[in-house]
N, C-alpha and C. Protein backbone atom coordinates (compact mmCIF):
# COMPACT_ATOMS: atom_id res chain seq x y z
N UNK A 1 -18.19 -4.70 -0.08
CA UNK A 1 -16.87 -4.70 0.37
C UNK A 1 -16.50 -4.54 1.75
N UNK A 2 -15.53 -4.94 2.31
CA UNK A 2 -15.29 -5.10 3.75
C UNK A 2 -13.95 -4.36 3.97
N UNK A 3 -13.69 -3.28 4.79
CA UNK A 3 -12.68 -2.50 4.95
C UNK A 3 -12.19 -2.91 6.54
N UNK A 4 -10.91 -3.71 6.50
CA UNK A 4 -10.07 -3.63 7.76
C UNK A 4 -9.03 -2.35 7.72
N UNK A 5 -8.93 -2.22 9.04
CA UNK A 5 -7.79 -1.03 9.36
C UNK A 5 -6.98 -1.54 10.29
N UNK A 6 -5.50 -1.26 10.11
CA UNK A 6 -4.82 -1.58 11.21
C UNK A 6 -3.75 -0.21 11.40
N UNK A 7 -3.72 0.12 12.73
CA UNK A 7 -2.81 0.99 13.14
C UNK A 7 -1.38 0.43 13.53
N UNK A 8 -0.24 0.57 12.82
CA UNK A 8 1.06 0.15 13.24
C UNK A 8 2.16 0.98 13.82
N UNK A 9 2.41 0.48 15.05
CA UNK A 9 3.54 1.08 15.70
C UNK A 9 4.78 1.10 14.92
N UNK A 10 5.74 1.89 15.18
CA UNK A 10 7.21 1.79 14.50
C UNK A 10 7.58 0.27 15.08
N UNK A 11 8.25 -0.55 14.12
CA UNK A 11 8.85 -1.92 14.47
C UNK A 11 10.26 -2.04 13.98
N UNK A 12 11.05 -2.01 15.01
CA UNK A 12 12.32 -1.97 14.92
C UNK A 12 13.05 -1.02 13.76
N UNK A 13 13.33 -1.33 12.75
CA UNK A 13 13.88 -0.33 11.76
C UNK A 13 12.88 0.45 11.02
N UNK A 14 11.42 -0.16 10.90
CA UNK A 14 10.32 0.08 10.12
C UNK A 14 9.74 1.18 10.94
N UNK A 15 9.53 2.43 10.28
CA UNK A 15 8.70 3.48 11.03
C UNK A 15 7.38 3.24 11.06
N UNK A 16 6.73 2.65 9.97
CA UNK A 16 5.37 2.81 9.92
C UNK A 16 4.88 3.98 10.01
N UNK A 17 3.44 4.44 10.02
CA UNK A 17 3.03 5.80 10.04
C UNK A 17 2.34 6.17 11.18
N UNK A 18 2.56 7.24 11.89
CA UNK A 18 2.34 7.39 13.02
C UNK A 18 0.77 8.09 13.38
N UNK A 19 0.28 8.60 11.84
CA UNK A 19 -1.14 8.91 12.18
C UNK A 19 -2.24 8.16 11.30
N UNK A 20 -1.69 7.58 10.07
CA UNK A 20 -2.73 6.66 9.40
C UNK A 20 -2.53 5.53 9.39
N UNK A 21 -3.71 4.74 9.45
CA UNK A 21 -3.78 3.18 9.65
C UNK A 21 -3.78 2.75 8.11
N UNK A 22 -3.26 1.52 8.14
CA UNK A 22 -3.41 0.54 6.90
C UNK A 22 -4.96 0.28 6.65
N UNK A 23 -5.18 0.44 5.42
CA UNK A 23 -6.80 -0.11 5.32
C UNK A 23 -6.53 -1.37 3.91
N UNK A 24 -7.22 -2.43 4.66
CA UNK A 24 -7.39 -3.47 3.58
C UNK A 24 -8.78 -3.62 3.17
N UNK A 25 -8.92 -3.61 1.85
CA UNK A 25 -10.19 -3.62 1.15
C UNK A 25 -10.39 -4.98 0.76
N UNK A 26 -11.27 -5.91 1.37
CA UNK A 26 -11.65 -7.13 0.97
C UNK A 26 -12.58 -6.94 -0.15
N UNK A 27 -12.26 -7.69 -1.03
CA UNK A 27 -13.21 -7.83 -2.36
C UNK A 27 -13.66 -6.58 -2.88
N UNK A 28 -12.56 -5.65 -2.96
CA UNK A 28 -12.75 -4.25 -3.35
C UNK A 28 -13.58 -4.17 -4.71
N UNK A 29 -13.64 -5.10 -5.40
CA UNK A 29 -14.33 -5.37 -6.38
C UNK A 29 -14.13 -6.67 -7.35
N UNK A 30 -15.02 -7.09 -7.58
CA UNK A 30 -15.00 -8.69 -8.21
C UNK A 30 -15.89 -8.71 -9.45
N UNK A 31 -15.40 -9.20 -10.52
CA UNK A 31 -13.80 -9.16 -10.91
C UNK A 31 -13.55 -7.86 -11.44
N UNK A 32 -12.25 -7.38 -10.96
CA UNK A 32 -11.72 -6.20 -11.25
C UNK A 32 -10.08 -6.34 -11.85
N UNK A 33 -10.19 -6.28 -13.08
CA UNK A 33 -8.88 -6.57 -13.50
C UNK A 33 -7.67 -5.37 -13.49
N UNK A 34 -6.62 -5.46 -13.93
CA UNK A 34 -5.77 -4.28 -13.68
C UNK A 34 -6.12 -3.13 -14.16
N UNK A 35 -6.84 -3.05 -15.54
CA UNK A 35 -7.19 -1.85 -16.14
C UNK A 35 -8.39 -1.25 -15.11
N UNK A 36 -9.05 -2.20 -14.63
CA UNK A 36 -10.23 -1.80 -13.61
C UNK A 36 -9.84 -0.85 -12.48
N UNK A 37 -8.67 -1.56 -11.79
CA UNK A 37 -8.17 -0.77 -10.64
C UNK A 37 -7.57 0.33 -11.21
N UNK A 38 -6.90 0.39 -12.25
CA UNK A 38 -6.19 1.63 -12.85
C UNK A 38 -7.03 2.77 -13.17
N UNK A 39 -8.24 2.38 -13.72
CA UNK A 39 -9.21 3.64 -13.77
C UNK A 39 -9.90 3.92 -12.62
N UNK A 40 -10.09 2.93 -11.64
CA UNK A 40 -10.68 3.37 -10.27
C UNK A 40 -9.81 4.20 -9.52
N UNK A 41 -8.67 3.86 -9.44
CA UNK A 41 -7.63 4.70 -9.01
C UNK A 41 -7.48 5.92 -9.40
N UNK A 42 -7.35 6.18 -10.60
CA UNK A 42 -7.22 7.45 -11.47
C UNK A 42 -8.32 8.38 -11.02
N UNK A 43 -9.40 7.79 -11.21
CA UNK A 43 -10.69 8.59 -10.99
C UNK A 43 -10.98 9.07 -9.62
N UNK A 44 -9.93 8.81 -8.77
CA UNK A 44 -9.78 9.23 -7.25
C UNK A 44 -8.74 10.12 -7.13
N UNK A 45 -8.05 10.56 -7.99
CA UNK A 45 -6.76 11.38 -7.75
C UNK A 45 -5.48 10.43 -7.48
N UNK A 46 -5.48 9.14 -7.91
CA UNK A 46 -4.37 8.36 -7.63
C UNK A 46 -4.07 7.82 -8.81
N UNK A 47 -3.09 8.57 -9.78
CA UNK A 47 -2.73 7.74 -11.10
C UNK A 47 -2.01 6.43 -10.89
N UNK A 48 -2.35 5.53 -11.74
CA UNK A 48 -1.55 4.39 -11.45
C UNK A 48 -0.15 4.60 -12.19
N UNK A 49 0.65 3.64 -11.59
CA UNK A 49 2.14 4.03 -11.80
C UNK A 49 2.85 2.87 -12.37
N UNK A 50 2.39 1.49 -12.13
CA UNK A 50 2.98 0.39 -12.41
C UNK A 50 1.99 -0.89 -12.27
N UNK A 51 2.39 -1.97 -12.89
CA UNK A 51 2.03 -3.26 -12.62
C UNK A 51 3.12 -4.14 -12.39
N UNK A 52 2.76 -5.02 -11.56
CA UNK A 52 3.72 -6.27 -11.26
C UNK A 52 3.43 -6.92 -10.12
N UNK A 53 4.39 -7.35 -9.16
CA UNK A 53 4.66 -7.96 -8.08
C UNK A 53 4.90 -6.92 -6.69
N UNK A 54 5.21 -7.65 -6.00
CA UNK A 54 5.71 -7.09 -4.54
C UNK A 54 7.00 -7.32 -4.25
N UNK A 55 7.99 -6.33 -3.84
CA UNK A 55 9.19 -6.75 -3.40
C UNK A 55 9.21 -7.87 -2.43
N UNK A 56 10.13 -8.90 -2.57
CA UNK A 56 10.29 -10.02 -1.46
C UNK A 56 11.18 -9.42 -0.52
N UNK A 57 11.30 -8.30 -0.14
CA UNK A 57 12.09 -7.84 1.02
C UNK A 57 11.44 -6.56 1.71
N UNK A 58 11.47 -6.42 3.01
CA UNK A 58 11.00 -5.45 3.76
C UNK A 58 11.36 -4.04 3.36
N UNK A 59 10.56 -3.04 3.03
CA UNK A 59 10.92 -1.76 2.60
C UNK A 59 9.61 -1.00 2.85
N UNK A 60 9.78 0.42 2.75
CA UNK A 60 8.57 1.39 3.17
C UNK A 60 8.93 2.63 2.25
N UNK A 61 7.93 3.28 1.83
CA UNK A 61 8.21 4.64 1.25
C UNK A 61 7.95 5.90 1.99
N UNK A 62 9.04 6.65 1.83
CA UNK A 62 9.00 8.07 2.65
C UNK A 62 8.55 9.19 1.95
N UNK A 63 8.33 8.94 0.81
CA UNK A 63 7.83 10.33 -0.20
C UNK A 63 6.39 10.20 -0.74
N UNK A 64 5.63 8.85 -0.40
CA UNK A 64 4.34 8.84 -1.10
C UNK A 64 3.51 7.77 -0.29
N UNK A 65 2.34 8.03 -0.36
CA UNK A 65 1.45 6.89 0.22
C UNK A 65 1.13 6.03 -0.86
N UNK A 66 0.73 4.76 -0.88
CA UNK A 66 0.60 3.76 -1.78
C UNK A 66 -0.60 2.94 -1.84
N UNK A 67 -1.11 2.72 -2.78
CA UNK A 67 -2.31 1.87 -2.78
C UNK A 67 -1.97 0.76 -3.87
N UNK A 68 -2.33 -0.66 -3.19
CA UNK A 68 -2.00 -1.71 -4.18
C UNK A 68 -3.52 -2.31 -4.64
N UNK A 69 -3.72 -2.55 -5.86
CA UNK A 69 -5.04 -3.35 -6.18
C UNK A 69 -4.24 -4.84 -6.90
N UNK A 70 -4.80 -5.69 -6.04
CA UNK A 70 -4.56 -7.07 -6.31
C UNK A 70 -5.40 -7.68 -7.61
N UNK A 71 -4.77 -7.59 -8.87
CA UNK A 71 -5.51 -7.64 -10.01
C UNK A 71 -5.86 -9.17 -10.32
N UNK A 72 -4.73 -10.05 -9.93
CA UNK A 72 -4.74 -11.45 -10.23
C UNK A 72 -4.08 -12.24 -9.27
N UNK A 73 -4.35 -13.41 -8.89
CA UNK A 73 -3.72 -14.33 -8.03
C UNK A 73 -4.01 -14.22 -6.42
N UNK A 74 -2.90 -14.77 -5.92
CA UNK A 74 -3.18 -14.51 -4.34
C UNK A 74 -1.74 -14.63 -4.11
N UNK A 75 -1.45 -13.84 -2.79
CA UNK A 75 -0.13 -13.85 -2.08
C UNK A 75 -0.25 -13.57 -0.46
N UNK A 76 0.95 -13.91 0.06
CA UNK A 76 0.81 -13.67 1.73
C UNK A 76 1.99 -12.57 1.65
N UNK A 77 1.37 -11.54 2.61
CA UNK A 77 2.17 -10.38 2.70
C UNK A 77 2.67 -10.12 4.21
N UNK A 78 3.47 -9.42 4.21
CA UNK A 78 3.85 -9.14 5.84
C UNK A 78 3.86 -7.59 5.76
N UNK A 79 2.88 -6.96 6.60
CA UNK A 79 2.65 -5.59 6.66
C UNK A 79 3.35 -4.98 8.02
N UNK A 80 4.07 -3.89 8.08
CA UNK A 80 4.50 -3.51 9.35
C UNK A 80 6.05 -3.78 9.81
N UNK A 81 6.79 -4.58 8.79
CA UNK A 81 8.14 -4.88 9.39
C UNK A 81 8.06 -6.24 9.63
N UNK A 82 9.55 -6.66 9.93
CA UNK A 82 9.79 -7.99 10.20
C UNK A 82 8.97 -8.35 11.41
N UNK A 83 8.77 -10.03 11.55
CA UNK A 83 8.18 -10.36 12.66
C UNK A 83 6.57 -9.89 13.03
N UNK A 84 6.00 -9.59 11.99
CA UNK A 84 4.80 -8.99 12.15
C UNK A 84 3.71 -10.19 11.56
N UNK A 85 2.45 -9.84 11.81
CA UNK A 85 1.52 -11.02 11.33
C UNK A 85 1.41 -11.09 9.93
N UNK A 86 1.46 -12.01 9.12
CA UNK A 86 1.23 -12.06 7.70
C UNK A 86 -0.51 -11.93 7.37
N UNK A 87 -0.53 -11.34 6.11
CA UNK A 87 -1.89 -11.25 5.62
C UNK A 87 -1.99 -11.73 4.19
N UNK A 88 -3.14 -12.56 3.99
CA UNK A 88 -3.26 -13.00 2.64
C UNK A 88 -4.18 -12.25 1.95
N UNK A 89 -3.88 -12.14 0.64
CA UNK A 89 -4.61 -11.21 -0.32
C UNK A 89 -4.94 -11.80 -1.58
N UNK A 90 -5.87 -11.58 -2.18
CA UNK A 90 -6.27 -12.32 -3.61
C UNK A 90 -7.00 -11.19 -4.36
N UNK A 91 -7.20 -11.76 -5.64
CA UNK A 91 -7.74 -10.77 -6.55
C UNK A 91 -9.00 -10.15 -5.96
N UNK A 92 -9.23 -8.92 -6.33
CA UNK A 92 -10.35 -8.03 -5.80
C UNK A 92 -9.98 -7.31 -4.78
N UNK A 93 -8.71 -7.77 -3.93
CA UNK A 93 -8.60 -6.87 -2.58
C UNK A 93 -7.63 -5.81 -2.99
N UNK A 94 -7.37 -4.80 -2.20
CA UNK A 94 -6.70 -3.59 -2.40
C UNK A 94 -6.09 -3.33 -1.18
N UNK A 95 -4.98 -2.72 -0.86
CA UNK A 95 -4.19 -2.20 0.33
C UNK A 95 -3.82 -0.73 0.01
N UNK A 96 -4.12 0.26 1.09
CA UNK A 96 -3.83 1.38 1.24
C UNK A 96 -2.84 1.66 2.30
N UNK A 97 -1.30 1.67 2.07
CA UNK A 97 -0.41 1.84 2.96
C UNK A 97 0.39 3.34 2.95
N UNK A 98 -0.09 3.84 3.95
CA UNK A 98 0.40 5.11 4.34
C UNK A 98 2.03 5.28 4.15
N UNK A 99 2.73 6.21 3.93
CA UNK A 99 3.87 6.43 3.89
C UNK A 99 4.62 5.94 5.31
N UNK A 100 5.71 5.20 5.17
CA UNK A 100 6.37 4.52 6.27
C UNK A 100 5.87 3.40 6.55
N UNK A 101 4.76 2.76 5.93
CA UNK A 101 4.35 1.36 6.22
C UNK A 101 5.43 0.42 5.53
N UNK A 102 6.00 -0.49 6.51
CA UNK A 102 6.79 -1.60 5.82
C UNK A 102 5.88 -2.67 5.36
N UNK A 103 6.32 -3.17 4.16
CA UNK A 103 5.85 -4.24 3.48
C UNK A 103 6.58 -5.18 2.66
N UNK A 104 6.29 -6.44 2.46
CA UNK A 104 6.87 -7.25 1.74
C UNK A 104 6.19 -8.48 1.37
N UNK A 105 6.59 -9.30 0.28
CA UNK A 105 5.85 -10.26 -0.14
C UNK A 105 6.41 -11.50 0.39
N UNK A 106 5.74 -12.52 1.07
CA UNK A 106 6.51 -13.51 1.53
C UNK A 106 6.36 -14.61 0.37
N UNK A 107 5.06 -14.73 -0.22
CA UNK A 107 5.08 -15.65 -1.21
C UNK A 107 3.79 -15.27 -2.09
N UNK A 108 3.79 -15.84 -3.45
CA UNK A 108 2.60 -15.35 -4.28
C UNK A 108 2.74 -16.57 -5.26
N UNK A 109 1.40 -16.65 -5.61
CA UNK A 109 1.48 -17.71 -6.84
C UNK A 109 1.71 -16.97 -8.29
N UNK A 110 1.76 -17.92 -9.23
CA UNK A 110 2.56 -17.41 -10.41
C UNK A 110 1.60 -16.36 -10.96
N UNK A 111 0.48 -16.28 -10.95
CA UNK A 111 -0.51 -15.36 -11.67
C UNK A 111 -0.53 -14.01 -10.85
N UNK A 112 0.08 -13.95 -9.57
CA UNK A 112 -0.27 -12.71 -8.92
C UNK A 112 0.27 -11.35 -9.57
N UNK A 113 -0.60 -10.63 -9.82
CA UNK A 113 -0.23 -9.16 -10.15
C UNK A 113 -1.09 -8.23 -9.46
N UNK A 114 -0.22 -7.02 -9.19
CA UNK A 114 -1.03 -5.87 -8.46
C UNK A 114 -0.63 -4.71 -9.50
N UNK A 115 -1.50 -3.58 -9.15
CA UNK A 115 -1.57 -2.31 -9.61
C UNK A 115 -1.01 -1.14 -8.68
N UNK A 116 -0.11 -0.67 -8.74
CA UNK A 116 0.33 0.31 -7.77
C UNK A 116 0.14 1.89 -8.31
N UNK A 117 -0.39 2.52 -7.23
CA UNK A 117 -0.54 3.99 -7.56
C UNK A 117 -0.44 4.92 -6.27
N UNK A 118 -0.27 6.16 -6.57
CA UNK A 118 0.02 7.02 -5.57
C UNK A 118 -0.61 8.43 -5.58
N UNK A 119 -0.76 9.10 -4.63
CA UNK A 119 -1.61 10.21 -4.78
C UNK A 119 -0.80 11.49 -5.78
N UNK A 120 -1.92 12.01 -6.63
CA UNK A 120 -1.37 13.06 -7.63
C UNK A 120 -0.29 13.78 -6.99
N UNK A 121 0.83 14.02 -7.83
CA UNK A 121 1.97 14.63 -7.42
C UNK A 121 3.16 14.06 -6.24
N UNK A 122 2.71 12.76 -5.99
CA UNK A 122 3.68 12.21 -5.20
C UNK A 122 4.39 11.15 -5.77
N UNK A 123 5.96 11.14 -5.50
CA UNK A 123 6.58 10.32 -6.18
C UNK A 123 7.15 9.19 -5.26
N UNK A 124 7.35 8.13 -5.38
CA UNK A 124 7.75 6.99 -4.45
C UNK A 124 9.09 6.96 -4.27
N UNK A 125 9.80 6.52 -3.12
CA UNK A 125 11.06 5.97 -3.13
C UNK A 125 11.09 4.60 -2.48
N UNK A 126 12.34 3.90 -2.12
CA UNK A 126 12.22 2.64 -1.67
C UNK A 126 13.27 2.72 -0.57
N UNK A 127 12.67 2.43 0.80
CA UNK A 127 13.64 2.65 1.81
C UNK A 127 13.81 1.21 2.42
N UNK A 128 15.08 0.84 2.65
CA UNK A 128 15.14 -0.45 3.15
C UNK A 128 16.26 -0.63 4.40
N UNK A 129 16.47 0.64 5.31
CA UNK A 129 17.09 0.84 6.54
C UNK A 129 16.41 1.79 7.28
N UNK A 130 16.65 1.81 8.58
CA UNK A 130 16.07 2.69 9.74
C UNK A 130 16.09 4.15 9.06
N UNK A 131 14.88 4.86 9.22
CA UNK A 131 15.18 6.21 8.74
C UNK A 131 15.91 7.15 9.72
N UNK A 132 16.39 7.85 8.99
CA UNK A 132 16.99 9.13 9.79
C UNK A 132 16.09 10.30 10.08
N UNK A 133 16.45 11.19 10.89
CA UNK A 133 15.60 12.19 11.16
C UNK A 133 14.94 13.02 10.07
N UNK A 134 15.59 13.23 8.77
CA UNK A 134 15.08 13.82 7.93
C UNK A 134 13.98 12.94 7.16
N UNK A 135 14.17 11.49 7.31
CA UNK A 135 13.22 10.59 6.56
C UNK A 135 11.88 10.77 7.48
N UNK A 136 11.94 10.72 8.97
CA UNK A 136 10.94 10.67 9.78
C UNK A 136 10.15 11.97 9.53
N UNK A 137 10.96 13.03 9.17
CA UNK A 137 10.22 14.34 9.05
C UNK A 137 9.63 14.42 7.85
N UNK A 138 10.13 13.55 6.65
CA UNK A 138 9.19 13.58 5.21
C UNK A 138 7.94 12.74 5.49
N UNK A 139 8.11 11.82 6.29
CA UNK A 139 6.92 10.87 6.59
C UNK A 139 5.81 11.82 7.41
N UNK A 140 6.11 12.49 8.28
CA UNK A 140 5.30 13.20 9.16
C UNK A 140 4.66 14.51 8.21
N UNK A 141 5.54 14.90 7.36
CA UNK A 141 5.05 16.22 6.79
C UNK A 141 4.19 15.80 5.48
N UNK A 142 4.16 14.57 4.95
CA UNK A 142 3.52 14.36 3.69
C UNK A 142 1.95 14.47 4.04
N UNK A 143 1.13 15.32 3.23
CA UNK A 143 -0.20 15.36 3.44
C UNK A 143 -1.10 14.35 3.20
N UNK A 144 -1.98 14.28 4.05
CA UNK A 144 -3.14 13.13 3.71
C UNK A 144 -3.72 13.20 2.43
N UNK A 145 -3.87 12.04 1.79
CA UNK A 145 -4.48 12.04 0.40
C UNK A 145 -5.80 12.75 0.36
N UNK A 146 -6.29 13.46 -0.64
CA UNK A 146 -7.41 14.28 -0.56
C UNK A 146 -8.65 13.19 -0.68
N UNK A 147 -8.41 11.97 -1.43
CA UNK A 147 -9.69 11.21 -1.24
C UNK A 147 -8.98 9.79 -1.17
N UNK A 148 -9.86 8.80 -0.81
CA UNK A 148 -9.68 7.41 -0.61
C UNK A 148 -9.75 6.79 -2.09
N UNK A 149 -8.44 6.02 -2.18
CA UNK A 149 -8.17 5.61 -3.79
C UNK A 149 -9.28 4.39 -4.11
N UNK A 150 -9.96 3.83 -3.25
CA UNK A 150 -11.04 2.86 -3.64
C UNK A 150 -12.21 3.14 -3.52
N UNK A 151 -12.77 4.04 -2.61
CA UNK A 151 -13.96 4.35 -2.34
C UNK A 151 -14.26 5.84 -3.05
N UNK A 152 -13.40 6.41 -3.17
CA UNK A 152 -13.57 7.88 -3.54
C UNK A 152 -13.98 8.97 -2.46
N UNK A 153 -14.13 8.38 -1.26
CA UNK A 153 -14.51 9.31 -0.34
C UNK A 153 -13.53 10.10 0.08
N UNK A 154 -13.95 11.41 0.55
CA UNK A 154 -12.90 12.34 1.35
C UNK A 154 -12.13 11.45 2.30
N UNK A 155 -10.91 11.92 2.42
CA UNK A 155 -10.12 11.15 3.32
C UNK A 155 -10.04 11.77 4.68
């Protein structure tokens, strides 16, 4: 497994995360289906919450860190907000998106499916506009996860 990290500064109306980088796990596990990602995430304190696609509009979460496990297919995503570099992902990849990280799906094949999970006790929201001071404070105050959702290592 190869892990890429990307520190993203604020980008227009998208705050991104001031402390934590995005992690992209290439070939996090192959082959690992949706159930396999769910079991792995849950074992590391990230209960799985849903299966599906990724919204086709830019958004971020202010109340939770998010991990996405690509269970099937391929997609091109944009991380960090509008006018950033696209990232290609495929089955077996995973992405750790710290609170505030902008993301959207630019295109995906018909089989594309991800598993979404969040650290124990965190509930996600969907933000589609510039953060107000309270939103920025929520992002900054959110504790770091206890464990990496893919490797299980202490964060």
